[in-house]
Amino acid sequence: MQAPRFQEKNISMEQLALAQEAFLQFRTRCFWFLRPDLRVTIADFPLIIRGLRLNGGRAGFALADRLCR
């Protein structure tokens, strides 16, 4: 079974807030190469989801799934 794909047109403010929280929580594990004060935008969504899936472990993968819904 394939992971859900990201749909840019359906991003809510709640998803943006969740993505920001995910960035802060997983910053050292998944996003070490990004500025520590990054404000997540719609344009950053694919990067956040990919980082969570690849380096976030089970919790990160589950969070990426929530972001894609």
Protein backbone atom coordinates (compact mmCIF):
# COMPACT_ATOMS: atom_id res chain seq x y z
CA MET A 1 0.00 0.00 0.00
CA GLN A 2 1.33 3.41 -0.96
CA ALA A 3 1.44 6.38 1.41
CA PRO A 4 -1.10 9.15 0.74
CA ARG A 5 0.15 11.88 -1.58
CA PHE A 6 0.28 15.53 -0.68
CA GLN A 7 -2.50 17.71 -2.18
CA GLU A 8 -1.44 21.37 -2.17
CA LYS A 9 -4.89 22.82 -2.81
CA ASN A 10 -6.39 21.25 0.32
CA ILE A 11 -4.09 22.64 3.03
CA SER A 12 -5.88 24.07 6.05
CA MET A 13 -4.57 26.39 8.72
CA GLU A 14 -4.66 23.46 11.15
CA GLN A 15 -2.36 21.47 8.85
CA LEU A 16 0.02 24.42 8.61
CA ALA A 17 0.12 24.65 12.39
CA LEU A 18 0.71 20.89 12.65
CA ALA A 19 3.51 21.09 10.08
CA GLN A 20 5.14 23.88 12.10
CA GLU A 21 4.93 21.77 15.26
CA ALA A 22 6.37 18.79 13.37
CA PHE A 23 9.24 20.91 12.12
CA LEU A 24 10.07 22.03 15.65
CA GLN A 25 9.69 18.56 17.16
CA PHE A 26 11.73 16.74 14.49
CA ARG A 27 14.12 19.55 13.54
CA THR A 28 17.34 17.89 14.67
CA ARG A 29 16.38 14.49 13.25
CA CYS A 30 14.81 15.43 9.93
CA PHE A 31 15.42 19.10 9.18
CA TRP A 32 18.90 19.84 10.52
CA PHE A 33 19.80 21.55 7.23
CA LEU A 34 17.03 24.17 7.47
CA ARG A 35 17.06 27.44 9.40
CA PRO A 36 16.00 26.83 13.02
CA ASP A 37 13.58 29.79 12.86
CA LEU A 38 11.80 28.59 9.69
CA ARG A 39 8.10 29.46 9.43
CA VAL A 40 6.51 26.60 7.52
CA THR A 41 4.52 27.69 4.46
CA ILE A 42 2.54 25.81 1.84
CA ALA A 43 5.67 25.74 -0.31
CA ASP A 44 7.52 23.88 2.48
CA PHE A 45 4.90 21.14 2.84
CA PRO A 46 6.48 18.59 0.45
CA LEU A 47 9.85 19.02 2.17
CA ILE A 48 8.34 18.57 5.64
CA ILE A 49 6.40 15.47 4.60
CA ARG A 50 9.37 13.89 2.86
CA GLY A 51 11.67 14.56 5.83
CA LEU A 52 9.18 13.06 8.28
CA ARG A 53 8.71 9.96 6.13
CA LEU A 54 12.41 9.36 5.54
CA ASN A 55 13.96 10.24 8.89
CA GLY A 56 11.16 10.63 11.43
CA GLY A 57 10.76 6.99 12.34
CA ARG A 58 7.32 5.56 12.99
CA ALA A 59 6.06 8.71 14.73
CA GLY A 60 7.26 10.92 11.89
CA PHE A 61 5.71 8.68 9.27
CA ALA A 62 2.37 8.75 11.11
CA LEU A 63 2.56 12.54 11.40
CA ALA A 64 3.28 12.85 7.67
CA ASP A 65 0.18 10.74 7.04
CA ARG A 66 -1.91 13.16 9.16
CA LEU A 67 -0.52 16.10 7.19
CA CYS A 68 -1.57 14.50 3.90
CA ARG A 69 -5.20 14.05 4.91
